């Protein structure tokens, strides 16, 4: 693929991402990178704060970038909920483990 075309599409994606971020006033931490690939089974994905676009055509790459941006901002509350839930489970597991250890120690003391 021509480097000029690749550069132009990268710029187009970056410009559109900035427009979306400014319009919706969110997702300011995101960047976009166009990585055209026939081998990828995905059209695009977000990895940490990077929107990776694998579509080879400008029209579909732009739509994929918009889709990934919207999916990212809509999913944010679920990401926070998952982190909180995991911390809660971790705390409960620690308490349960300590309770079990206390019971084991009491039983060991009883049978000595």
Protein backbone atom coordinates (compact mmCIF):
# COMPACT_ATOMS: atom_id res chain seq x y z
CA UNK A 1 0.00 0.00 0.00
CA UNK A 2 1.18 3.49 -0.83
CA UNK A 3 2.73 5.28 2.19
CA UNK A 4 0.94 8.53 1.29
CA UNK A 5 -2.43 6.77 1.38
CA UNK A 6 -1.52 5.08 4.66
CA UNK A 7 -0.40 8.39 6.18
CA UNK A 8 -3.57 10.16 4.98
CA UNK A 9 -5.85 7.51 6.47
CA UNK A 10 -3.94 7.61 9.78
CA UNK A 11 -4.43 11.40 9.84
CA UNK A 12 -8.11 11.03 8.98
CA UNK A 13 -8.61 8.55 11.82
CA UNK A 14 -6.76 10.80 14.27
CA UNK A 15 -8.78 13.85 13.22
CA UNK A 16 -12.08 11.98 13.56
CA UNK A 17 -11.08 10.57 16.94
CA UNK A 18 -10.28 14.09 18.19
CA UNK A 19 -13.64 15.29 16.90
CA UNK A 20 -15.45 12.50 18.75
CA UNK A 21 -13.51 13.12 21.97
CA UNK A 22 -14.25 16.86 21.84
CA UNK A 23 -17.90 16.42 20.85
CA UNK A 24 -18.63 13.90 23.62
CA UNK A 25 -16.04 15.28 26.07
CA UNK A 26 -14.77 11.83 26.95
CA UNK A 27 -12.17 9.30 25.90
CA UNK A 28 -9.40 11.91 25.89
CA UNK A 29 -6.88 9.23 26.87
CA UNK A 30 -7.45 7.32 23.62
CA UNK A 31 -5.21 7.26 20.57
CA UNK A 32 -5.77 5.48 17.26
CA UNK A 33 -3.41 3.42 15.12
CA UNK A 34 -4.20 2.04 11.69
CA UNK A 35 -2.69 -1.42 11.23
CA UNK A 36 -4.26 -2.80 8.04
CA UNK A 37 -4.26 -6.58 8.08
CA UNK A 38 -5.98 -9.24 6.02
CA UNK A 39 -4.91 -11.82 8.59
CA UNK A 40 -6.83 -10.30 11.49
CA UNK A 41 -10.22 -11.78 12.31
CA UNK A 42 -11.19 -8.45 13.90
CA UNK A 43 -11.93 -5.16 12.21
CA UNK A 44 -10.59 -3.32 15.24
CA UNK A 45 -10.13 -3.40 19.00
CA UNK A 46 -9.11 -1.27 21.94
CA UNK A 47 -5.93 -2.31 23.73
CA UNK A 48 -5.55 -0.26 26.90
CA UNK A 49 -5.79 3.31 25.55
CA UNK A 50 -5.10 2.50 21.91
CA UNK A 51 -7.76 1.92 19.26
CA UNK A 52 -6.23 -0.52 16.77
CA UNK A 53 -7.90 -0.53 13.35
CA UNK A 54 -7.24 -3.51 11.08
CA UNK A 55 -9.65 -2.62 8.23
CA UNK A 56 -7.86 -1.93 4.98
CA UNK A 57 -10.37 0.44 3.38
CA UNK A 58 -10.83 4.06 4.44
CA UNK A 59 -14.63 3.93 4.71
CA UNK A 60 -14.75 0.78 6.83
CA UNK A 61 -11.70 1.80 8.88
CA UNK A 62 -13.39 5.06 9.82
CA UNK A 63 -16.63 3.31 10.79
CA UNK A 64 -14.70 0.71 12.79
CA UNK A 65 -12.84 3.45 14.65
CA UNK A 66 -16.17 5.13 15.56
CA UNK A 67 -17.58 1.77 16.68
CA UNK A 68 -14.55 1.01 18.87
CA UNK A 69 -14.61 4.50 20.40
CA UNK A 70 -18.30 4.23 21.29
CA UNK A 71 -17.88 0.68 22.61
CA UNK A 72 -15.00 1.89 24.81
CA UNK A 73 -16.90 4.78 26.38
CA UNK A 74 -20.09 2.75 26.85
CA UNK A 75 -18.12 -0.08 28.48
CA UNK A 76 -16.32 2.16 31.00
CA UNK A 77 -18.94 1.76 33.76
CA UNK A 78 -18.74 -2.02 33.42
CA UNK A 79 -14.96 -1.91 33.68
CA UNK A 80 -15.22 0.04 36.93
CA UNK A 81 -17.91 -2.33 38.23
CA UNK A 82 -15.73 -5.33 37.40
CA UNK A 83 -12.73 -3.85 39.26
CA UNK A 84 -14.87 -3.16 42.34
CA UNK A 85 -16.45 -6.63 42.21
CA UNK A 86 -13.02 -8.28 41.93
CA UNK A 87 -11.73 -6.32 44.94
CA UNK A 88 -14.80 -7.33 46.94
CA UNK A 89 -14.32 -11.00 46.04
CA UNK A 90 -10.63 -10.75 46.96
CA UNK A 91 -11.52 -9.30 50.39
CA UNK A 92 -14.17 -11.97 51.03
CA UNK A 93 -11.69 -14.69 50.06
CA UNK A 94 -9.11 -13.30 52.50
CA UNK A 95 -11.67 -13.22 55.32
CA UNK A 96 -12.87 -16.75 54.52
CA UNK A 97 -9.29 -18.03 54.40
CA UNK A 98 -8.47 -16.48 57.77
CA UNK A 99 -11.66 -17.95 59.30
CA UNK A 100 -10.74 -21.40 57.96
CA UNK A 101 -7.21 -21.12 59.33
CA UNK A 102 -8.58 -20.13 62.75
CA UNK A 103 -10.91 -23.16 62.77
CA UNK A 104 -8.10 -25.51 61.69
CA UNK A 105 -5.88 -24.15 64.46
CA UNK A 106 -8.64 -24.62 67.07
CA UNK A 107 -9.25 -28.21 65.94
CA UNK A 108 -5.51 -28.94 66.03
CA UNK A 109 -5.36 -27.58 69.57
CA UNK A 110 -8.32 -29.75 70.59
CA UNK A 111 -6.85 -32.99 69.26
CA UNK A 112 -3.37 -32.51 70.78
